[in-house]
Amino acid sequence: MSNDEFAGNAVIVTGGAQGMGRTIAEQFLLQGARVLIFDLDAKLAEQTARELSPESSAVIGFGGNVSLREDVHRAVELMRRALWSP
C-alpha cells in the first residue's frame, strides 16, 4: 500500500543500505518521500538505491560516515541539490 504522507519531503536514512535502514528507506519511498541512503559502504548504498527505485531519481545512494562532520555536510548538500524541492 502506498500513500503520499511524505510527498514533497526528502529524508536521509543512515545505515540505509541494508537491514532495518533499508526497510525504513523503502517505507519512506512508499509514502512519497525522496530518500538519500547514507551508508559506510558507498557501493552497497548505490546498489540499494538502484534496487529500490531503478527508473526513478527518488532515491540516491551516498557513501559516508555519520561521525565525520564533512561527510554529513556533503550528504545534506547532495540531498538539498538532488532531492529536495520546496
N, C-alpha and C. Protein backbone atom coordinates (compact mmCIF):
# COMPACT_ATOMS: atom_id res chain seq x y z
N MET A 1 0.85 -1.17 0.00
CA MET A 1 0.00 0.00 0.00
C MET A 1 0.90 1.23 0.00
N SER A 2 0.55 2.20 -0.82
CA SER A 2 1.32 3.43 -0.82
C SER A 2 0.39 4.61 -0.61
N ASN A 3 0.95 5.66 -0.06
CA ASN A 3 0.21 6.91 0.08
C ASN A 3 1.21 8.04 -0.06
N ASP A 4 0.75 9.24 0.05
CA ASP A 4 1.62 10.39 -0.15
C ASP A 4 1.86 11.18 1.12
N GLU A 5 1.89 10.50 2.25
CA GLU A 5 2.06 11.19 3.53
C GLU A 5 3.34 12.03 3.56
N PHE A 6 4.40 11.56 2.89
CA PHE A 6 5.67 12.28 2.90
C PHE A 6 5.99 12.92 1.56
N ALA A 7 5.01 13.03 0.68
CA ALA A 7 5.23 13.65 -0.63
C ALA A 7 5.77 15.05 -0.46
N GLY A 8 6.77 15.39 -1.28
CA GLY A 8 7.38 16.71 -1.20
C GLY A 8 8.49 16.82 -0.17
N ASN A 9 8.73 15.75 0.56
CA ASN A 9 9.77 15.75 1.58
C ASN A 9 10.94 14.90 1.13
N ALA A 10 12.11 15.24 1.62
CA ALA A 10 13.31 14.46 1.39
C ALA A 10 13.87 14.05 2.74
N VAL A 11 14.37 12.82 2.82
CA VAL A 11 14.91 12.31 4.08
C VAL A 11 16.26 11.66 3.84
N ILE A 12 17.07 11.66 4.86
CA ILE A 12 18.33 10.92 4.86
C ILE A 12 18.14 9.74 5.80
N VAL A 13 18.43 8.54 5.30
CA VAL A 13 18.35 7.33 6.12
C VAL A 13 19.77 6.83 6.32
N THR A 14 20.28 6.94 7.55
CA THR A 14 21.63 6.45 7.83
C THR A 14 21.58 4.94 8.00
N GLY A 15 22.63 4.28 7.53
CA GLY A 15 22.65 2.82 7.58
C GLY A 15 21.58 2.24 6.68
N GLY A 16 21.23 2.97 5.62
CA GLY A 16 20.09 2.61 4.79
C GLY A 16 20.32 1.59 3.71
N ALA A 17 21.52 1.05 3.61
CA ALA A 17 21.81 0.12 2.51
C ALA A 17 21.33 -1.30 2.77
N GLN A 18 21.07 -1.63 4.03
CA GLN A 18 20.64 -2.99 4.32
C GLN A 18 19.91 -3.04 5.66
N GLY A 19 19.30 -4.17 5.94
CA GLY A 19 18.64 -4.39 7.22
C GLY A 19 17.51 -3.41 7.50
N MET A 20 17.43 -2.97 8.76
CA MET A 20 16.36 -2.07 9.16
C MET A 20 16.43 -0.74 8.43
N GLY A 21 17.63 -0.25 8.16
CA GLY A 21 17.77 1.01 7.43
C GLY A 21 17.16 0.92 6.05
N ARG A 22 17.39 -0.19 5.36
CA ARG A 22 16.81 -0.39 4.03
C ARG A 22 15.29 -0.42 4.12
N THR A 23 14.77 -1.12 5.11
CA THR A 23 13.32 -1.19 5.30
C THR A 23 12.72 0.19 5.55
N ILE A 24 13.40 0.98 6.34
CA ILE A 24 12.95 2.34 6.61
C ILE A 24 12.95 3.16 5.33
N ALA A 25 14.03 3.05 4.54
CA ALA A 25 14.10 3.76 3.26
C ALA A 25 12.95 3.34 2.34
N GLU A 26 12.68 2.04 2.27
CA GLU A 26 11.57 1.54 1.44
C GLU A 26 10.23 2.13 1.88
N GLN A 27 10.01 2.20 3.18
CA GLN A 27 8.75 2.73 3.68
C GLN A 27 8.59 4.22 3.37
N PHE A 28 9.67 4.98 3.52
CA PHE A 28 9.60 6.39 3.14
C PHE A 28 9.28 6.53 1.66
N LEU A 29 9.90 5.73 0.81
CA LEU A 29 9.61 5.78 -0.63
C LEU A 29 8.16 5.46 -0.91
N LEU A 30 7.64 4.43 -0.26
CA LEU A 30 6.24 4.05 -0.46
C LEU A 30 5.28 5.16 -0.05
N GLN A 31 5.72 6.02 0.86
CA GLN A 31 4.87 7.10 1.34
C GLN A 31 5.18 8.42 0.66
N GLY A 32 5.91 8.36 -0.46
CA GLY A 32 6.09 9.53 -1.30
C GLY A 32 7.32 10.37 -1.08
N ALA A 33 8.17 9.99 -0.12
CA ALA A 33 9.38 10.78 0.15
C ALA A 33 10.46 10.48 -0.89
N ARG A 34 11.37 11.43 -1.03
CA ARG A 34 12.60 11.19 -1.77
C ARG A 34 13.65 10.86 -0.72
N VAL A 35 14.53 9.89 -1.02
CA VAL A 35 15.40 9.33 0.02
C VAL A 35 16.87 9.34 -0.40
N LEU A 36 17.71 9.79 0.51
CA LEU A 36 19.15 9.64 0.36
C LEU A 36 19.58 8.54 1.32
N ILE A 37 20.11 7.46 0.77
CA ILE A 37 20.61 6.35 1.57
C ILE A 37 22.06 6.65 1.93
N PHE A 38 22.33 6.88 3.20
CA PHE A 38 23.66 7.24 3.71
C PHE A 38 24.21 6.00 4.39
N ASP A 39 25.33 5.48 3.89
CA ASP A 39 25.88 4.25 4.44
C ASP A 39 27.40 4.28 4.33
N LEU A 40 28.09 3.60 5.23
CA LEU A 40 29.54 3.48 5.15
C LEU A 40 29.98 2.83 3.84
N ASP A 41 29.19 1.90 3.36
CA ASP A 41 29.51 1.16 2.13
C ASP A 41 28.87 1.88 0.93
N ALA A 42 29.65 2.70 0.26
CA ALA A 42 29.13 3.52 -0.85
C ALA A 42 28.56 2.66 -1.97
N LYS A 43 29.27 1.59 -2.33
CA LYS A 43 28.80 0.73 -3.43
C LYS A 43 27.46 0.08 -3.08
N LEU A 44 27.33 -0.38 -1.84
CA LEU A 44 26.08 -1.00 -1.42
C LEU A 44 24.96 0.03 -1.35
N ALA A 45 25.27 1.23 -0.90
CA ALA A 45 24.25 2.30 -0.85
C ALA A 45 23.73 2.60 -2.25
N GLU A 46 24.63 2.70 -3.21
CA GLU A 46 24.22 2.97 -4.59
C GLU A 46 23.45 1.80 -5.19
N GLN A 47 23.89 0.58 -4.90
CA GLN A 47 23.18 -0.61 -5.38
C GLN A 47 21.77 -0.68 -4.80
N THR A 48 21.65 -0.42 -3.52
CA THR A 48 20.34 -0.44 -2.87
C THR A 48 19.43 0.62 -3.48
N ALA A 49 19.96 1.80 -3.73
CA ALA A 49 19.15 2.86 -4.36
C ALA A 49 18.63 2.40 -5.72
N ARG A 50 19.48 1.76 -6.52
CA ARG A 50 19.04 1.25 -7.83
C ARG A 50 17.98 0.16 -7.68
N GLU A 51 18.14 -0.69 -6.69
CA GLU A 51 17.17 -1.77 -6.47
C GLU A 51 15.82 -1.24 -6.01
N LEU A 52 15.83 -0.23 -5.15
CA LEU A 52 14.58 0.30 -4.61
C LEU A 52 13.81 1.13 -5.62
N SER A 53 14.52 1.77 -6.51
CA SER A 53 13.85 2.65 -7.47
C SER A 53 14.67 2.71 -8.76
N PRO A 54 14.65 1.63 -9.54
CA PRO A 54 15.54 1.53 -10.70
C PRO A 54 15.33 2.57 -11.79
N GLU A 55 14.13 3.08 -11.93
CA GLU A 55 13.85 4.02 -13.01
C GLU A 55 13.45 5.40 -12.48
N SER A 56 13.87 5.71 -11.27
CA SER A 56 13.44 6.96 -10.66
C SER A 56 14.63 7.64 -10.00
N SER A 57 14.53 8.94 -9.90
CA SER A 57 15.55 9.70 -9.17
C SER A 57 15.07 10.01 -7.76
N ALA A 58 14.09 9.24 -7.27
CA ALA A 58 13.54 9.48 -5.94
C ALA A 58 14.45 9.00 -4.83
N VAL A 59 15.45 8.21 -5.18
CA VAL A 59 16.37 7.68 -4.16
C VAL A 59 17.78 7.68 -4.73
N ILE A 60 18.73 8.09 -3.90
CA ILE A 60 20.13 8.05 -4.29
C ILE A 60 20.95 7.47 -3.15
N GLY A 61 22.05 6.83 -3.50
CA GLY A 61 22.95 6.26 -2.52
C GLY A 61 24.13 7.18 -2.29
N PHE A 62 24.61 7.21 -1.06
CA PHE A 62 25.73 8.06 -0.69
C PHE A 62 26.61 7.32 0.30
N GLY A 63 27.90 7.29 0.03
CA GLY A 63 28.84 6.65 0.95
C GLY A 63 29.47 7.67 1.87
N GLY A 64 29.37 7.44 3.16
CA GLY A 64 29.97 8.35 4.11
C GLY A 64 29.85 7.82 5.52
N ASN A 65 30.47 8.54 6.43
CA ASN A 65 30.50 8.17 7.83
C ASN A 65 29.77 9.26 8.63
N VAL A 66 28.71 8.89 9.30
CA VAL A 66 27.93 9.89 10.04
C VAL A 66 28.70 10.52 11.20
N SER A 67 29.81 9.93 11.59
CA SER A 67 30.59 10.52 12.67
C SER A 67 31.58 11.58 12.15
N LEU A 68 31.62 11.76 10.82
CA LEU A 68 32.50 12.77 10.24
C LEU A 68 31.66 13.94 9.74
N ARG A 69 31.87 15.08 10.35
CA ARG A 69 31.09 16.28 10.05
C ARG A 69 31.08 16.59 8.56
N GLU A 70 32.23 16.47 7.90
CA GLU A 70 32.29 16.81 6.47
C GLU A 70 31.44 15.85 5.63
N ASP A 71 31.36 14.59 6.01
CA ASP A 71 30.51 13.64 5.29
C ASP A 71 29.04 14.00 5.46
N VAL A 72 28.67 14.38 6.66
CA VAL A 72 27.28 14.77 6.92
C VAL A 72 26.94 16.02 6.11
N HIS A 73 27.83 16.99 6.09
CA HIS A 73 27.59 18.21 5.31
C HIS A 73 27.45 17.89 3.82
N ARG A 74 28.30 17.00 3.31
CA ARG A 74 28.21 16.61 1.89
C ARG A 74 26.89 15.91 1.61
N ALA A 75 26.45 15.05 2.51
CA ALA A 75 25.19 14.33 2.31
C ALA A 75 24.01 15.30 2.30
N VAL A 76 24.01 16.24 3.23
CA VAL A 76 22.91 17.21 3.29
C VAL A 76 22.90 18.07 2.04
N GLU A 77 24.06 18.50 1.59
CA GLU A 77 24.14 19.31 0.38
C GLU A 77 23.67 18.52 -0.85
N LEU A 78 24.07 17.27 -0.94
CA LEU A 78 23.61 16.42 -2.05
C LEU A 78 22.10 16.26 -2.01
N MET A 79 21.55 16.00 -0.83
CA MET A 79 20.11 15.86 -0.69
C MET A 79 19.40 17.16 -1.10
N ARG A 80 19.94 18.27 -0.64
CA ARG A 80 19.32 19.57 -0.95
C ARG A 80 19.31 19.81 -2.46
N ARG A 81 20.41 19.53 -3.12
CA ARG A 81 20.50 19.78 -4.58
C ARG A 81 19.73 18.76 -5.40
N ALA A 82 19.81 17.49 -5.03
CA ALA A 82 19.27 16.43 -5.88
C ALA A 82 17.84 16.01 -5.54
N LEU A 83 17.44 16.16 -4.30
CA LEU A 83 16.17 15.57 -3.89
C LEU A 83 15.13 16.54 -3.35
N TRP A 84 15.57 17.61 -2.76
CA TRP A 84 14.61 18.47 -2.07
C TRP A 84 14.15 19.60 -2.96
N SER A 85 12.86 19.77 -3.01
CA SER A 85 12.31 20.92 -3.74
C SER A 85 11.18 21.51 -2.90
N PRO A 86 11.36 22.75 -2.48
CA PRO A 86 10.36 23.36 -1.59
C PRO A 86 9.03 23.54 -2.29
